[in-house]
Amino acid sequence: MKYVLLFIRNEETDIDEASRSAHYAAIDEWFGELARDGKLRGGEELQPSNTATTIRPQEGRPLVTDGPFMESKENVAGFVTIDVADLDEAIAIAKSWPPDDQIVEIRPVVNHEDMSNHPVS
């Protein structure tokens, strides 16, 4: 089953260069382990939320604005897609995410072959 792990951090938190190097080394190791285990399907680090462009409907037309959908100190910093047996395995992987100052949100990916599990809007 595929899941997306969303890595959420406080963008106002800044780290020094030595800590940053250790931070990225731990993340690289974590990604490498997932890849070796055949569970990694993709993932990326995202630019800060102030680089976002948002499109929302307004009076039946798309309105393009700079910035994120809503103001928040916590924003999505990156994501990874994993393919695992079940939610328990996804949780175990999420718990092993090296940065201890970030939230990890786990979201199942919709299986379009089995639309019985797809929510109706």
N, C-alpha and C. Protein backbone atom coordinates (compact mmCIF):
# COMPACT_ATOMS: atom_id res chain seq x y z
N MET A 1 0.84 -1.17 0.00
CA MET A 1 0.00 0.00 0.00
C MET A 1 0.89 1.24 0.00
N LYS A 2 0.50 2.23 -0.77
CA LYS A 2 1.30 3.45 -0.85
C LYS A 2 0.80 4.49 0.15
N TYR A 3 1.78 5.18 0.74
CA TYR A 3 1.51 6.28 1.67
C TYR A 3 2.43 7.44 1.32
N VAL A 4 1.97 8.64 1.59
CA VAL A 4 2.82 9.82 1.50
C VAL A 4 3.07 10.28 2.93
N LEU A 5 4.32 10.50 3.24
CA LEU A 5 4.71 11.08 4.52
C LEU A 5 4.99 12.55 4.26
N LEU A 6 4.27 13.42 4.94
CA LEU A 6 4.47 14.86 4.82
C LEU A 6 5.29 15.33 6.01
N PHE A 7 6.39 16.00 5.75
CA PHE A 7 7.27 16.48 6.81
C PHE A 7 6.94 17.95 7.07
N ILE A 8 6.50 18.23 8.27
CA ILE A 8 6.01 19.56 8.63
C ILE A 8 6.95 20.16 9.67
N ARG A 9 7.38 21.38 9.40
CA ARG A 9 8.31 22.03 10.33
C ARG A 9 7.93 23.48 10.54
N ASN A 10 8.47 24.04 11.59
CA ASN A 10 8.31 25.46 11.87
C ASN A 10 9.37 26.19 11.06
N GLU A 11 8.94 26.97 10.08
CA GLU A 11 9.89 27.65 9.21
C GLU A 11 10.67 28.74 9.93
N GLU A 12 10.22 29.15 11.08
CA GLU A 12 10.92 30.20 11.82
C GLU A 12 12.11 29.65 12.60
N THR A 13 12.21 28.33 12.70
CA THR A 13 13.32 27.70 13.42
C THR A 13 14.53 27.67 12.50
N ASP A 14 15.63 28.22 12.95
CA ASP A 14 16.85 28.24 12.16
C ASP A 14 17.90 27.40 12.87
N ILE A 15 18.72 26.70 12.08
CA ILE A 15 19.78 25.89 12.68
C ILE A 15 21.13 26.34 12.14
N ASP A 16 22.17 26.15 12.95
CA ASP A 16 23.52 26.56 12.53
C ASP A 16 24.06 25.58 11.48
N GLU A 17 25.15 25.97 10.84
CA GLU A 17 25.70 25.20 9.72
C GLU A 17 26.12 23.78 10.12
N ALA A 18 26.75 23.63 11.28
CA ALA A 18 27.18 22.30 11.73
C ALA A 18 25.97 21.39 11.94
N SER A 19 24.95 21.93 12.57
CA SER A 19 23.73 21.15 12.79
C SER A 19 23.05 20.82 11.47
N ARG A 20 23.08 21.77 10.54
CA ARG A 20 22.45 21.56 9.22
C ARG A 20 23.13 20.40 8.49
N SER A 21 24.46 20.33 8.53
CA SER A 21 25.20 19.25 7.87
C SER A 21 24.83 17.90 8.47
N ALA A 22 24.78 17.82 9.79
CA ALA A 22 24.40 16.57 10.45
C ALA A 22 22.96 16.20 10.13
N HIS A 23 22.09 17.20 10.08
CA HIS A 23 20.67 17.03 9.76
C HIS A 23 20.52 16.37 8.38
N TYR A 24 21.19 16.94 7.36
CA TYR A 24 21.06 16.41 6.01
C TYR A 24 21.76 15.06 5.86
N ALA A 25 22.84 14.83 6.58
CA ALA A 25 23.51 13.52 6.52
C ALA A 25 22.57 12.43 7.06
N ALA A 26 21.87 12.72 8.16
CA ALA A 26 20.93 11.75 8.74
C ALA A 26 19.76 11.49 7.78
N ILE A 27 19.28 12.54 7.14
CA ILE A 27 18.18 12.38 6.18
C ILE A 27 18.64 11.57 4.98
N ASP A 28 19.84 11.84 4.46
CA ASP A 28 20.37 11.06 3.32
C ASP A 28 20.48 9.58 3.68
N GLU A 29 20.93 9.30 4.88
CA GLU A 29 21.04 7.91 5.34
C GLU A 29 19.65 7.26 5.42
N TRP A 30 18.68 8.00 5.94
CA TRP A 30 17.30 7.50 6.06
C TRP A 30 16.73 7.18 4.69
N PHE A 31 16.90 8.10 3.71
CA PHE A 31 16.43 7.86 2.35
C PHE A 31 17.14 6.65 1.73
N GLY A 32 18.44 6.55 1.96
CA GLY A 32 19.22 5.43 1.42
C GLY A 32 18.71 4.10 1.93
N GLU A 33 18.40 4.04 3.22
CA GLU A 33 17.88 2.81 3.81
C GLU A 33 16.54 2.42 3.19
N LEU A 34 15.64 3.40 3.03
CA LEU A 34 14.35 3.13 2.40
C LEU A 34 14.53 2.63 0.96
N ALA A 35 15.46 3.24 0.24
CA ALA A 35 15.71 2.82 -1.14
C ALA A 35 16.27 1.40 -1.18
N ARG A 36 17.24 1.08 -0.31
CA ARG A 36 17.81 -0.27 -0.26
C ARG A 36 16.75 -1.32 0.07
N ASP A 37 15.79 -0.94 0.92
CA ASP A 37 14.72 -1.87 1.31
C ASP A 37 13.61 -1.96 0.27
N GLY A 38 13.70 -1.17 -0.81
CA GLY A 38 12.71 -1.20 -1.88
C GLY A 38 11.38 -0.55 -1.51
N LYS A 39 11.38 0.31 -0.52
CA LYS A 39 10.13 0.94 -0.05
C LYS A 39 9.96 2.37 -0.57
N LEU A 40 11.02 2.99 -1.04
CA LEU A 40 10.99 4.37 -1.48
C LEU A 40 10.44 4.46 -2.91
N ARG A 41 9.45 5.31 -3.10
CA ARG A 41 8.87 5.54 -4.43
C ARG A 41 9.13 6.95 -4.93
N GLY A 42 9.61 7.82 -4.09
CA GLY A 42 9.93 9.19 -4.50
C GLY A 42 9.81 10.14 -3.33
N GLY A 43 10.30 11.34 -3.52
CA GLY A 43 10.20 12.34 -2.47
C GLY A 43 11.06 13.53 -2.79
N GLU A 44 10.72 14.64 -2.19
CA GLU A 44 11.45 15.89 -2.44
C GLU A 44 11.37 16.80 -1.22
N GLU A 45 12.40 17.62 -1.07
CA GLU A 45 12.35 18.73 -0.12
C GLU A 45 11.70 19.90 -0.86
N LEU A 46 10.92 20.69 -0.17
CA LEU A 46 10.21 21.81 -0.78
C LEU A 46 10.84 23.13 -0.39
N GLN A 47 10.74 24.12 -1.26
CA GLN A 47 11.16 25.47 -0.95
C GLN A 47 10.26 26.01 0.16
N PRO A 48 10.67 27.06 0.87
CA PRO A 48 9.84 27.64 1.93
C PRO A 48 8.48 28.09 1.39
N SER A 49 7.51 28.17 2.29
CA SER A 49 6.14 28.49 1.89
C SER A 49 6.02 29.88 1.26
N ASN A 50 6.94 30.78 1.56
CA ASN A 50 6.84 32.12 0.96
C ASN A 50 7.13 32.11 -0.54
N THR A 51 7.57 30.97 -1.08
CA THR A 51 7.80 30.84 -2.52
C THR A 51 6.58 30.25 -3.23
N ALA A 52 5.55 29.91 -2.48
CA ALA A 52 4.36 29.25 -3.04
C ALA A 52 3.52 30.21 -3.88
N THR A 53 2.80 29.63 -4.80
CA THR A 53 1.76 30.32 -5.55
C THR A 53 0.48 29.53 -5.34
N THR A 54 -0.60 30.20 -5.01
CA THR A 54 -1.87 29.54 -4.72
C THR A 54 -2.92 29.97 -5.72
N ILE A 55 -3.67 29.00 -6.21
CA ILE A 55 -4.79 29.28 -7.11
C ILE A 55 -6.05 28.83 -6.40
N ARG A 56 -6.99 29.75 -6.27
CA ARG A 56 -8.25 29.42 -5.61
C ARG A 56 -9.41 30.02 -6.41
N PRO A 57 -10.56 29.38 -6.35
CA PRO A 57 -11.70 29.92 -7.08
C PRO A 57 -12.24 31.17 -6.38
N GLN A 58 -12.57 32.17 -7.18
CA GLN A 58 -13.21 33.37 -6.65
C GLN A 58 -14.21 33.86 -7.72
N GLU A 59 -15.45 33.84 -7.33
CA GLU A 59 -16.54 34.24 -8.23
C GLU A 59 -16.49 33.45 -9.53
N GLY A 60 -16.24 32.15 -9.41
CA GLY A 60 -16.26 31.27 -10.57
C GLY A 60 -15.03 31.31 -11.45
N ARG A 61 -13.99 32.04 -11.02
CA ARG A 61 -12.77 32.16 -11.82
C ARG A 61 -11.57 31.87 -10.93
N PRO A 62 -10.49 31.35 -11.52
CA PRO A 62 -9.29 31.09 -10.72
C PRO A 62 -8.56 32.39 -10.38
N LEU A 63 -8.24 32.56 -9.11
CA LEU A 63 -7.49 33.71 -8.63
C LEU A 63 -6.09 33.23 -8.24
N VAL A 64 -5.07 33.82 -8.80
CA VAL A 64 -3.69 33.45 -8.53
C VAL A 64 -3.11 34.45 -7.54
N THR A 65 -2.56 33.91 -6.42
CA THR A 65 -1.94 34.78 -5.42
C THR A 65 -0.59 34.22 -5.02
N ASP A 66 0.28 35.10 -4.55
CA ASP A 66 1.57 34.67 -4.02
C ASP A 66 1.37 34.16 -2.61
N GLY A 67 2.19 33.20 -2.23
CA GLY A 67 2.18 32.72 -0.86
C GLY A 67 1.31 31.50 -0.66
N PRO A 68 1.37 30.95 0.53
CA PRO A 68 0.64 29.73 0.84
C PRO A 68 -0.87 29.99 0.98
N PHE A 69 -1.62 28.91 1.03
CA PHE A 69 -3.07 28.97 1.17
C PHE A 69 -3.47 29.71 2.44
N MET A 70 -2.76 29.43 3.54
CA MET A 70 -3.08 30.11 4.79
C MET A 70 -1.79 30.41 5.54
N GLU A 71 -1.86 31.40 6.38
CA GLU A 71 -0.70 31.78 7.18
C GLU A 71 -0.53 30.78 8.32
N SER A 72 0.68 30.30 8.48
CA SER A 72 0.97 29.34 9.54
C SER A 72 2.47 29.31 9.77
N LYS A 73 2.88 29.09 11.00
CA LYS A 73 4.30 28.93 11.28
C LYS A 73 4.77 27.56 10.82
N GLU A 74 3.87 26.56 10.89
CA GLU A 74 4.21 25.20 10.47
C GLU A 74 3.77 25.00 9.03
N ASN A 75 4.70 24.51 8.21
CA ASN A 75 4.42 24.29 6.80
C ASN A 75 5.06 23.00 6.34
N VAL A 76 4.58 22.47 5.22
CA VAL A 76 5.12 21.25 4.65
C VAL A 76 6.51 21.57 4.09
N ALA A 77 7.51 20.87 4.61
CA ALA A 77 8.90 21.09 4.19
C ALA A 77 9.31 20.11 3.12
N GLY A 78 8.60 18.99 3.01
CA GLY A 78 8.93 17.98 2.03
C GLY A 78 8.00 16.80 2.16
N PHE A 79 8.23 15.82 1.32
CA PHE A 79 7.37 14.63 1.33
C PHE A 79 8.15 13.44 0.77
N VAL A 80 7.66 12.27 1.07
CA VAL A 80 8.19 11.04 0.49
C VAL A 80 7.01 10.09 0.26
N THR A 81 7.06 9.36 -0.83
CA THR A 81 6.06 8.32 -1.09
C THR A 81 6.72 6.98 -0.83
N ILE A 82 6.04 6.16 -0.03
CA ILE A 82 6.55 4.84 0.31
C ILE A 82 5.53 3.78 -0.09
N ASP A 83 6.00 2.58 -0.32
CA ASP A 83 5.13 1.45 -0.64
C ASP A 83 5.43 0.37 0.39
N VAL A 84 4.48 0.14 1.28
CA VAL A 84 4.67 -0.76 2.41
C VAL A 84 3.47 -1.69 2.56
N ALA A 85 3.57 -2.64 3.47
CA ALA A 85 2.51 -3.63 3.66
C ALA A 85 1.24 -3.02 4.23
N ASP A 86 1.40 -2.10 5.20
CA ASP A 86 0.21 -1.58 5.88
C ASP A 86 0.54 -0.32 6.67
N LEU A 87 -0.47 0.24 7.32
CA LEU A 87 -0.29 1.46 8.09
C LEU A 87 0.72 1.28 9.22
N ASP A 88 0.75 0.12 9.85
CA ASP A 88 1.71 -0.10 10.93
C ASP A 88 3.15 0.07 10.44
N GLU A 89 3.43 -0.44 9.25
CA GLU A 89 4.78 -0.29 8.70
C GLU A 89 5.06 1.17 8.34
N ALA A 90 4.05 1.87 7.82
CA ALA A 90 4.21 3.29 7.51
C ALA A 90 4.49 4.09 8.78
N ILE A 91 3.80 3.74 9.86
CA ILE A 91 4.03 4.42 11.14
C ILE A 91 5.45 4.17 11.64
N ALA A 92 5.93 2.93 11.53
CA ALA A 92 7.29 2.60 11.97
C ALA A 92 8.32 3.41 11.18
N ILE A 93 8.10 3.54 9.87
CA ILE A 93 9.02 4.33 9.05
C ILE A 93 8.95 5.80 9.44
N ALA A 94 7.74 6.32 9.63
CA ALA A 94 7.58 7.73 10.02
C ALA A 94 8.26 8.00 11.36
N LYS A 95 8.17 7.06 12.29
CA LYS A 95 8.82 7.24 13.60
C LYS A 95 10.33 7.29 13.48
N SER A 96 10.89 6.71 12.42
CA SER A 96 12.34 6.68 12.24
C SER A 96 12.87 7.92 11.52
N TRP A 97 11.98 8.85 11.13
CA TRP A 97 12.40 10.09 10.47
C TRP A 97 13.39 10.81 11.37
N PRO A 98 14.61 11.10 10.89
CA PRO A 98 15.66 11.63 11.77
C PRO A 98 15.37 12.96 12.46
N PRO A 99 14.88 13.99 11.77
CA PRO A 99 14.70 15.24 12.51
C PRO A 99 13.66 15.08 13.62
N ASP A 100 14.08 15.35 14.84
CA ASP A 100 13.17 15.18 15.98
C ASP A 100 12.36 16.44 16.25
N ASP A 101 12.50 17.46 15.39
CA ASP A 101 11.76 18.70 15.60
C ASP A 101 10.68 18.90 14.54
N GLN A 102 10.36 17.83 13.80
CA GLN A 102 9.37 17.94 12.74
C GLN A 102 8.21 16.98 12.97
N ILE A 103 7.06 17.40 12.51
CA ILE A 103 5.86 16.56 12.53
C ILE A 103 5.86 15.74 11.25
N VAL A 104 5.43 14.48 11.34
CA VAL A 104 5.27 13.66 10.14
C VAL A 104 3.80 13.27 10.05
N GLU A 105 3.16 13.66 8.96
CA GLU A 105 1.77 13.29 8.70
C GLU A 105 1.78 12.16 7.69
N ILE A 106 1.02 11.10 7.97
CA ILE A 106 0.94 9.94 7.09
C ILE A 106 -0.40 9.97 6.38
N ARG A 107 -0.37 9.92 5.04
CA ARG A 107 -1.61 9.93 4.26
C ARG A 107 -1.59 8.78 3.27
N PRO A 108 -2.63 7.94 3.27
CA PRO A 108 -2.69 6.87 2.26
C PRO A 108 -2.97 7.47 0.88
N VAL A 109 -2.37 6.86 -0.13
CA VAL A 109 -2.59 7.26 -1.51
C VAL A 109 -3.83 6.52 -2.02
N VAL A 110 -4.68 7.21 -2.76
CA VAL A 110 -5.89 6.58 -3.29
C VAL A 110 -5.49 5.53 -4.32
N ASN A 111 -6.03 4.36 -4.17
CA ASN A 111 -5.84 3.28 -5.13
C ASN A 111 -6.98 3.37 -6.14
N HIS A 112 -6.68 3.84 -7.33
CA HIS A 112 -7.72 4.04 -8.33
C HIS A 112 -8.26 2.74 -8.89
N GLU A 113 -7.57 1.64 -8.62
CA GLU A 113 -8.09 0.33 -9.03
C GLU A 113 -9.20 -0.13 -8.11
N ASP A 114 -9.24 0.39 -6.90
CA ASP A 114 -10.27 0.04 -5.92
C ASP A 114 -10.93 1.34 -5.44
N MET A 115 -11.82 1.88 -6.24
CA MET A 115 -12.45 3.16 -5.92
C MET A 115 -13.48 3.04 -4.81
N SER A 116 -13.71 1.84 -4.28
CA SER A 116 -14.66 1.70 -3.18
C SER A 116 -14.15 2.40 -1.93
N ASN A 117 -12.82 2.63 -1.85
CA ASN A 117 -12.24 3.32 -0.69
C ASN A 117 -12.08 4.81 -0.90
N HIS A 118 -12.49 5.31 -2.06
CA HIS A 118 -12.32 6.73 -2.37
C HIS A 118 -13.49 7.53 -1.80
N PRO A 119 -13.18 8.57 -1.02
CA PRO A 119 -14.26 9.39 -0.46
C PRO A 119 -14.99 10.16 -1.56
N VAL A 120 -16.27 10.28 -1.40
CA VAL A 120 -17.07 11.03 -2.35
C VAL A 120 -17.22 12.45 -1.84
N SER A 121 -16.92 13.44 -2.70
CA SER A 121 -17.02 14.83 -2.27
C SER A 121 -18.41 15.36 -2.53
